[in-house]
Amino acid sequence: MAALRVLLQMMLEIHKDGPLSPHLSGALGNSPRETSSWTSGAHCGLALDNNTYGGSFLYHLDEDTPLVSVGFVIGLDYSNPYLYPFKEFQRFKHHPSVQPTFEGGKRIAYGARALNEGGFQCIPKLAFPGGLLVGCSPGFMNVPKIKGTHTAMKSGMLAAECAFEAISDENFSSATEGLLLESYESRLRESWVWKEIQSVRNIRPSFHSPLGLYGTMLYTGVFYYILRGKEPWTLRNSKADAEHLKPAKECQTIEYPKPDGEVSFDLLSSVALSGTNHEGDQPAHLTLRDDSIPVNRNLAIYDGPEQRFCPAGVYEYVPREQGDGMRLQINAQNCVHCKTCDIKDPSQNINWVVPEGGGVRPTMECNGVSMQGLSLLLEQLQLPLTSSSYFRTVINSVCNL
């Protein structure tokens, strides 16, 4: 099931608090510095329809300079090719319960990534000669809560314990040249990580019932909150995300409001804050298997969804120089390496590979923001060394490689 690549697209912004933020956050949490968050239930009455999976989060960060981290997540199994994840994110910030947080503030960072939300059903073999799969990549995220830091850290701790024991045990032997630590998977299965992701395994797949959002809410209420995920069956993901997209003629176009430049913003100015930076002569990391497919199939049938699902404006259809039709232009320098194009392209014609040197000065895979960009961000925020000295040291050392 791992081949299904059921994923979410997450877009993240960091803002300096506006003057109204302390008042609002006090209403949402217990104090102006209390972490406040929303999950998929927050979308009742918001822009996404009942058949599009999504969620959001908003955190007030505990720093001397008040900061707000806001993110919007959309399941990449959506069916309407006119859906524009970035613009859905901008529209979300204008919700009456959210907008006052950003009024008077300043946007200072942006990034995006694809989240592995296949969950329990898609966990692959975790050990191989010379390495282990840890963190978010194997699918340890608690999808309903859009949280995975705790499970990622625990998997890393278990991996470190297994590695240390193997290296320090003089009698340990491996049939392969690289150490094969099979004990890692068994320890993970015995840990609370396995129990947690197993208990929520059916919540996400239940969204594909005829009831959509309401079916998931009903299923979650009965089988998770009451039975705590102990139902004797496991639902399956039916097909790959790209296969869910419907032809444009079967869907309604979606009109999005123009950004106001204070709470909502345009795409290119957001990408400029991601810290992405590619060398002009580096090898292309985004290529097409067949140059004719984008126009003949994607544009003709789906009205060019790649110009909307990309959160960095990498793909756009432009007139041919000869004036006879359109062609797909790839602005690879904008790429924040979220890998959405490789996943959502309905023709599976886009080939994404790891960029030379990571694509930017070493890239933070958490949200596509470069280490260099994060270092500049800390300087802009003027965070004291007492609160961020270790973070600064790590960033500066990596950027100087």
Protein backbone atom coordinates (compact mmCIF):
# COMPACT_ATOMS: atom_id res chain seq x y z
CA MET A 1 0.00 0.00 0.00
CA ALA A 2 2.98 2.31 0.33
CA ALA A 3 2.96 2.70 -3.44
CA LEU A 4 -0.36 4.52 -3.21
CA ARG A 5 1.45 7.55 -1.78
CA VAL A 6 -1.62 8.97 -0.05
CA LEU A 7 -0.42 12.38 0.98
CA LEU A 8 -1.32 15.76 2.34
CA GLN A 9 0.08 19.05 1.15
CA MET A 10 1.06 21.41 3.95
CA MET A 11 1.75 25.12 3.51
CA LEU A 12 3.31 27.04 6.38
CA GLU A 13 3.83 30.71 7.18
CA ILE A 14 5.44 32.41 10.16
CA HIS A 15 4.22 35.84 11.18
CA LYS A 16 5.14 38.41 13.74
CA ASP A 17 2.09 38.86 15.96
CA GLY A 18 -0.29 41.67 15.14
CA PRO A 19 -1.56 43.91 17.94
CA LEU A 20 -4.82 41.95 18.19
CA SER A 21 -3.15 38.56 18.54
CA PRO A 22 -2.79 38.48 22.36
CA HIS A 23 -6.50 39.18 22.78
CA LEU A 24 -7.51 36.45 20.33
CA SER A 25 -5.07 33.86 21.57
CA GLY A 26 -6.22 34.44 25.11
CA ALA A 27 -9.70 33.47 23.95
CA LEU A 28 -8.45 30.36 22.18
CA GLY A 29 -6.00 29.15 24.81
CA ASN A 30 -5.15 30.11 28.34
CA SER A 31 -2.71 32.95 27.74
CA PRO A 32 -1.22 34.99 24.87
CA ARG A 33 1.64 32.48 24.67
CA GLU A 34 -0.55 29.40 24.88
CA THR A 35 -0.36 27.13 21.84
CA SER A 36 -3.60 27.37 19.92
CA SER A 37 -4.48 24.92 17.16
CA TRP A 38 -7.24 23.74 14.85
CA THR A 39 -7.53 20.38 13.12
CA SER A 40 -9.80 19.10 10.37
CA GLY A 41 -12.93 19.82 12.38
CA ALA A 42 -12.23 23.52 11.90
CA HIS A 43 -13.24 23.20 8.27
CA CYS A 44 -16.93 22.83 9.01
CA GLY A 45 -18.35 25.90 7.28
CA LEU A 46 -15.04 26.89 5.71
CA ALA A 47 -13.93 26.85 2.07
CA LEU A 48 -13.31 23.13 1.56
CA ASP A 49 -16.27 21.03 0.54
CA ASN A 50 -17.37 17.92 2.41
CA ASN A 51 -15.49 15.62 0.03
CA THR A 52 -12.09 17.33 0.32
CA TYR A 53 -9.96 16.28 3.27
CA GLY A 54 -8.10 19.07 5.03
CA GLY A 55 -7.07 20.70 8.26
CA SER A 56 -5.15 23.58 9.72
CA PHE A 57 -3.04 24.59 12.69
CA LEU A 58 -2.05 27.83 14.35
CA TYR A 59 0.60 28.06 17.05
CA HIS A 60 1.79 30.99 19.12
CA LEU A 61 5.53 30.40 19.52
CA ASP A 62 7.16 31.07 22.85
CA GLU A 63 9.82 33.59 21.87
CA ASP A 64 10.67 37.09 23.11
CA THR A 65 9.44 38.40 19.75
CA PRO A 66 5.81 37.23 19.47
CA LEU A 67 5.47 34.78 16.57
CA VAL A 68 2.60 32.89 14.99
CA SER A 69 3.06 29.74 12.91
CA VAL A 70 0.06 28.93 10.72
CA GLY A 71 -0.38 26.01 8.37
CA PHE A 72 -3.04 24.68 6.04
CA VAL A 73 -3.20 21.04 4.97
CA ILE A 74 -5.11 19.56 2.03
CA GLY A 75 -5.35 15.87 1.16
CA LEU A 76 -3.87 15.26 -2.27
CA ASP A 77 -6.72 12.88 -3.07
CA TYR A 78 -9.00 15.81 -3.90
CA SER A 79 -10.99 15.45 -7.10
CA ASN A 80 -11.60 18.98 -8.42
CA PRO A 81 -8.72 20.08 -10.71
CA TYR A 82 -9.66 23.72 -10.11
CA LEU A 83 -8.82 23.50 -6.41
CA TYR A 84 -5.84 25.73 -5.66
CA PRO A 85 -4.24 24.70 -2.33
CA PHE A 86 -2.22 27.90 -1.90
CA LYS A 87 -5.26 30.11 -2.46
CA GLU A 88 -7.33 27.95 -0.13
CA PHE A 89 -4.69 28.68 2.49
CA GLN A 90 -4.92 32.42 1.87
CA ARG A 91 -8.71 32.34 2.01
CA PHE A 92 -8.61 30.38 5.28
CA LYS A 93 -6.70 33.21 6.95
CA HIS A 94 -9.66 35.54 6.33
CA HIS A 95 -12.03 33.45 8.44
CA PRO A 96 -13.48 35.70 11.20
CA SER A 97 -11.99 33.47 13.91
CA VAL A 98 -8.52 33.55 12.34
CA GLN A 99 -8.04 36.90 10.61
CA PRO A 100 -7.60 39.08 13.76
CA THR A 101 -4.48 37.06 14.62
CA PHE A 102 -2.67 38.44 11.58
CA GLU A 103 -3.99 41.99 11.34
CA GLY A 104 -1.14 44.40 12.00
CA GLY A 105 1.43 41.61 11.88
CA LYS A 106 4.13 40.84 9.32
CA ARG A 107 4.66 37.70 7.25
CA ILE A 108 8.31 36.65 7.53
CA ALA A 109 8.59 33.07 6.22
CA TYR A 110 6.83 30.59 3.95
CA GLY A 111 7.29 26.95 3.00
CA ALA A 112 5.44 23.83 1.86
CA ARG A 113 5.88 20.08 1.85
CA ALA A 114 4.00 16.85 1.25
CA LEU A 115 3.09 14.85 4.34
CA ASN A 116 3.02 11.06 4.30
CA GLU A 117 -0.44 10.26 5.60
CA GLY A 118 -0.73 6.64 4.47
CA GLY A 119 -0.48 5.71 8.13
CA PHE A 120 -0.51 2.22 9.58
CA GLN A 121 -1.57 0.57 6.31
CA CYS A 122 1.42 1.93 4.38
CA ILE A 123 4.33 1.37 6.79
CA PRO A 124 7.12 -0.36 4.80
CA LYS A 125 9.89 -2.65 6.01
CA LEU A 126 11.82 -0.45 8.43
CA ALA A 127 15.28 -2.03 8.49
CA PHE A 128 17.71 -2.59 5.64
CA PRO A 129 21.45 -3.36 5.55
CA GLY A 130 23.24 -0.32 6.88
CA GLY A 131 20.20 1.78 7.71
CA LEU A 132 16.80 2.27 9.32
CA LEU A 133 13.69 4.25 8.38
CA VAL A 134 12.81 6.72 11.14
CA GLY A 135 10.80 9.91 11.56
CA CYS A 136 7.95 10.97 9.30
CA SER A 137 9.10 9.21 6.11
CA PRO A 138 7.87 5.70 7.06
CA GLY A 139 4.42 7.11 7.93
CA PHE A 140 4.44 7.53 11.71
CA MET A 141 2.31 10.69 11.65
CA ASN A 142 -0.96 10.73 13.59
CA VAL A 143 -3.02 11.87 10.60
CA PRO A 144 -6.25 13.01 12.36
CA LYS A 145 -4.21 15.26 14.65
CA ILE A 146 -1.70 16.29 11.94
CA LYS A 147 1.01 15.60 14.52
CA GLY A 148 4.10 13.48 14.12
CA THR A 149 6.99 15.14 15.92
CA HIS A 150 6.51 12.98 19.03
CA THR A 151 6.37 9.71 17.09
CA ALA A 152 9.29 10.76 14.87
CA MET A 153 11.43 11.50 17.93
CA LYS A 154 10.52 8.22 19.59
CA SER A 155 11.35 6.21 16.48
CA GLY A 156 14.73 7.97 16.36
CA MET A 157 15.36 7.13 20.01
CA LEU A 158 14.54 3.46 19.43
CA ALA A 159 16.76 3.40 16.34
CA ALA A 160 19.66 4.92 18.32
CA GLU A 161 19.24 2.35 21.10
CA CYS A 162 19.31 -0.54 18.62
CA ALA A 163 22.34 0.86 16.82
CA PHE A 164 24.26 1.51 20.04
CA GLU A 165 23.58 -1.98 21.36
CA ALA A 166 24.67 -3.59 18.10
CA ILE A 167 27.87 -1.57 17.85
CA SER A 168 28.82 -2.11 21.48
CA ASP A 169 28.04 -5.85 21.45
CA GLU A 170 31.18 -7.74 20.44
CA ASN A 171 29.13 -10.88 19.74
CA PHE A 172 26.69 -9.17 17.38
CA SER A 173 26.89 -10.41 13.81
CA SER A 174 25.10 -9.49 10.62
CA ALA A 175 24.62 -11.54 7.47
CA THR A 176 25.11 -8.38 5.39
CA GLU A 177 28.08 -6.02 5.12
CA GLY A 178 25.98 -3.19 6.49
CA LEU A 179 24.45 -3.95 9.88
CA LEU A 180 20.87 -5.22 9.62
CA LEU A 181 19.13 -4.15 12.85
CA GLU A 182 15.97 -6.24 12.75
CA SER A 183 15.37 -5.56 16.43
CA TYR A 184 14.34 -1.99 15.57
CA GLU A 185 11.03 -2.98 14.00
CA SER A 186 10.14 -5.35 16.84
CA ARG A 187 10.86 -2.64 19.41
CA LEU A 188 8.78 -0.17 17.49
CA ARG A 189 5.87 -2.62 17.40
CA GLU A 190 6.09 -2.94 21.18
CA SER A 191 6.19 0.83 21.76
CA TRP A 192 3.39 3.36 22.22
CA VAL A 193 4.13 4.68 18.70
CA TRP A 194 2.73 1.54 17.11
CA LYS A 195 -0.30 1.52 19.37
CA GLU A 196 -1.08 5.17 18.58
CA ILE A 197 -0.91 4.92 14.80
CA GLN A 198 -2.77 1.60 14.84
CA SER A 199 -5.62 3.11 16.84
CA VAL A 200 -6.23 5.85 14.24
CA ARG A 201 -5.58 3.68 11.16
CA ASN A 202 -9.16 3.74 9.88
CA ILE A 203 -10.04 7.42 10.39
CA ARG A 204 -8.46 8.74 7.19
CA PRO A 205 -9.67 5.91 4.88
CA SER A 206 -13.21 6.36 6.26
CA PHE A 207 -13.30 9.75 4.51
CA HIS A 208 -13.89 7.99 1.20
CA SER A 209 -17.35 6.81 2.18
CA PRO A 210 -20.34 8.40 0.41
CA LEU A 211 -20.82 10.61 3.49
CA GLY A 212 -17.38 12.25 3.14
CA LEU A 213 -16.57 14.51 6.10
CA TYR A 214 -19.71 13.51 8.00
CA GLY A 215 -18.92 9.83 7.54
CA THR A 216 -15.46 10.37 9.01
CA MET A 217 -16.87 12.31 11.97
CA LEU A 218 -19.40 9.54 12.63
CA TYR A 219 -16.80 6.79 12.28
CA THR A 220 -14.34 8.62 14.52
CA GLY A 221 -16.94 9.21 17.21
CA VAL A 222 -18.01 5.58 17.38
CA PHE A 223 -14.86 3.59 16.69
CA TYR A 224 -12.13 5.87 18.02
CA TYR A 225 -13.52 7.86 20.92
CA ILE A 226 -15.66 4.98 22.17
CA LEU A 227 -13.81 1.83 21.08
CA ARG A 228 -10.35 3.51 20.96
CA GLY A 229 -9.49 2.06 17.56
CA LYS A 230 -9.94 -1.57 18.62
CA GLU A 231 -12.27 -2.50 15.75
CA PRO A 232 -11.22 -5.90 14.29
CA TRP A 233 -10.95 -4.62 10.69
CA THR A 234 -8.60 -2.35 8.78
CA LEU A 235 -9.85 -0.13 5.97
CA ARG A 236 -7.71 0.21 2.85
CA ASN A 237 -6.75 3.12 0.62
CA SER A 238 -8.42 2.39 -2.69
CA LYS A 239 -6.20 4.14 -5.26
CA ALA A 240 -3.35 6.59 -5.77
CA ASP A 241 -3.91 10.30 -5.18
CA ALA A 242 -3.41 11.20 -8.86
CA GLU A 243 -6.22 8.83 -9.86
CA HIS A 244 -8.81 10.75 -7.83
CA LEU A 245 -8.68 13.81 -10.10
CA LYS A 246 -11.78 14.26 -12.27
CA PRO A 247 -11.90 15.82 -15.76
CA ALA A 248 -12.39 19.59 -15.67
CA LYS A 249 -15.73 19.38 -17.51
CA GLU A 250 -17.19 17.44 -14.57
CA CYS A 251 -16.17 20.04 -11.97
CA GLN A 252 -17.05 23.58 -11.00
CA THR A 253 -14.46 26.33 -11.31
CA ILE A 254 -13.50 27.96 -8.00
CA GLU A 255 -13.26 31.74 -7.66
CA TYR A 256 -10.72 32.97 -5.12
CA PRO A 257 -10.53 36.49 -3.68
CA LYS A 258 -7.52 38.63 -4.49
CA PRO A 259 -4.89 38.87 -1.72
CA ASP A 260 -5.01 42.03 0.37
CA GLY A 261 -1.26 42.16 1.11
CA GLU A 262 -1.84 42.22 4.87
CA VAL A 263 -3.42 38.90 5.79
CA SER A 264 -3.36 37.11 2.44
CA PHE A 265 -0.58 37.27 -0.13
CA ASP A 266 0.34 36.36 -3.69
CA LEU A 267 2.29 33.23 -4.48
CA LEU A 268 5.57 34.63 -5.79
CA SER A 269 6.14 37.01 -2.87
CA SER A 270 5.57 34.04 -0.57
CA VAL A 271 8.10 31.87 -2.42
CA ALA A 272 10.63 34.71 -2.06
CA LEU A 273 10.43 34.19 1.72
CA SER A 274 11.09 30.44 1.53
CA GLY A 275 14.86 30.82 1.23
CA THR A 276 14.95 28.58 -1.85
CA ASN A 277 17.95 29.20 -4.07
CA HIS A 278 19.18 27.14 -7.02
CA GLU A 279 22.36 27.53 -9.01
CA GLY A 280 21.72 28.60 -12.60
CA ASP A 281 23.85 25.81 -14.07
CA GLN A 282 22.80 22.90 -11.86
CA PRO A 283 21.25 19.81 -13.54
CA ALA A 284 17.47 19.89 -13.95
CA HIS A 285 15.71 18.11 -11.09
CA LEU A 286 12.24 18.41 -12.67
CA THR A 287 11.80 16.70 -16.02
CA LEU A 288 8.98 15.33 -18.18
CA ARG A 289 8.86 11.77 -19.41
CA ASP A 290 6.90 12.91 -22.48
CA ASP A 291 6.89 16.60 -23.50
CA SER A 292 3.60 16.26 -25.37
CA ILE A 293 1.49 14.99 -22.46
CA PRO A 294 1.05 18.28 -20.50
CA VAL A 295 -0.79 20.03 -23.35
CA ASN A 296 -2.41 17.04 -25.04
CA ARG A 297 -3.73 15.44 -21.86
CA ASN A 298 -3.32 17.50 -18.68
CA LEU A 299 -4.39 20.81 -20.20
CA ALA A 300 -6.98 19.31 -22.55
CA ILE A 301 -8.70 17.09 -19.97
CA TYR A 302 -7.89 18.59 -16.55
CA ASP A 303 -7.27 22.24 -17.51
CA GLY A 304 -3.65 22.09 -16.41
CA PRO A 305 -3.88 21.23 -12.68
CA GLU A 306 -0.09 21.48 -12.20
CA GLN A 307 -0.35 25.28 -12.45
CA ARG A 308 -2.55 25.15 -9.34
CA PHE A 309 -1.44 22.24 -7.14
CA CYS A 310 2.18 23.43 -7.01
CA PRO A 311 2.65 25.69 -3.92
CA ALA A 312 5.62 27.49 -5.49
CA GLY A 313 4.49 28.49 -8.98
CA VAL A 314 6.88 26.10 -10.70
CA TYR A 315 4.48 25.13 -13.51
CA GLU A 316 2.66 27.49 -15.83
CA TYR A 317 1.15 27.26 -19.29
CA VAL A 318 2.40 29.99 -21.62
CA PRO A 319 1.84 30.70 -25.34
CA ARG A 320 4.30 29.10 -27.71
CA GLU A 321 6.83 31.43 -29.29
CA GLN A 322 5.43 30.54 -32.71
CA GLY A 323 1.98 31.62 -31.55
CA ASP A 324 0.33 28.24 -32.20
CA GLY A 325 -1.06 26.97 -28.90
CA MET A 326 0.36 26.60 -25.40
CA ARG A 327 3.31 24.88 -23.77
CA LEU A 328 4.19 23.96 -20.20
CA GLN A 329 6.96 26.10 -18.71
CA ILE A 330 8.86 24.73 -15.70
CA ASN A 331 10.25 27.40 -13.37
CA ALA A 332 12.48 24.98 -11.47
CA GLN A 333 14.22 27.79 -9.58
CA ASN A 334 11.01 28.35 -7.58
CA CYS A 335 10.82 24.76 -6.34
CA VAL A 336 10.61 24.28 -2.56
CA HIS A 337 10.94 20.48 -2.96
CA CYS A 338 7.57 19.48 -1.56
CA LYS A 339 7.28 16.70 -4.21
CA THR A 340 3.56 17.40 -4.78
CA CYS A 341 3.98 17.43 -8.57
CA ASP A 342 5.41 13.92 -8.59
CA ILE A 343 2.39 12.75 -6.60
CA LYS A 344 -0.60 14.65 -7.99
CA ASP A 345 0.20 14.81 -11.72
CA PRO A 346 -2.76 12.88 -13.23
CA SER A 347 -0.54 11.54 -16.04
CA GLN A 348 2.38 10.69 -13.73
CA ASN A 349 4.56 12.37 -16.32
CA ILE A 350 6.59 14.62 -14.01
CA ASN A 351 9.80 13.12 -12.69
CA TRP A 352 11.10 14.77 -9.50
CA VAL A 353 14.58 13.91 -8.26
CA VAL A 354 16.64 15.28 -5.41
CA PRO A 355 18.28 18.52 -6.60
CA GLU A 356 22.03 18.91 -6.74
CA GLY A 357 23.27 19.87 -3.31
CA GLY A 358 19.75 19.57 -1.92
CA GLY A 359 18.49 22.37 -4.16
CA VAL A 360 19.38 25.20 -1.80
CA ARG A 361 22.00 25.83 0.81
CA PRO A 362 21.23 22.68 2.88
CA THR A 363 17.43 22.38 2.86
CA MET A 364 15.29 21.81 5.94
CA GLU A 365 12.90 19.06 4.80
CA CYS A 366 10.33 20.14 7.41
CA ASN A 367 8.94 22.89 5.21
CA GLY A 368 11.27 23.61 2.30
CA VAL A 369 12.96 26.58 4.00
CA SER A 370 16.74 26.65 3.58
CA MET A 371 19.13 26.70 6.50
CA GLN A 372 20.52 29.96 5.15
CA GLY A 373 16.99 31.37 5.05
CA LEU A 374 16.36 30.28 8.63
CA SER A 375 19.59 31.89 9.77
CA LEU A 376 18.52 35.18 8.15
CA LEU A 377 15.10 34.74 9.72
CA LEU A 378 16.61 34.54 13.19
CA GLU A 379 18.61 37.68 12.53
CA GLN A 380 15.49 39.50 11.33
CA LEU A 381 13.60 38.47 14.44
CA GLN A 382 16.52 39.58 16.63
CA LEU A 383 16.09 36.58 18.90
CA PRO A 384 18.43 36.65 21.93
CA LEU A 385 21.28 34.17 22.04
CA THR A 386 20.01 32.93 25.39
CA SER A 387 16.94 31.42 23.73
CA SER A 388 18.34 30.37 20.36
CA SER A 389 22.12 29.99 20.67
CA TYR A 390 22.14 26.26 19.97
CA PHE A 391 19.83 26.66 16.97
CA ARG A 392 22.03 29.45 15.60
CA THR A 393 25.18 27.36 16.03
CA VAL A 394 23.71 24.42 14.14
CA ILE A 395 22.41 26.59 11.29
CA ASN A 396 25.63 28.57 10.91
CA SER A 397 27.80 25.45 10.96
CA VAL A 398 25.71 23.75 8.26
CA CYS A 399 25.54 26.87 6.08
CA ASN A 400 29.32 27.15 6.15
CA LEU A 401 29.81 23.61 4.77
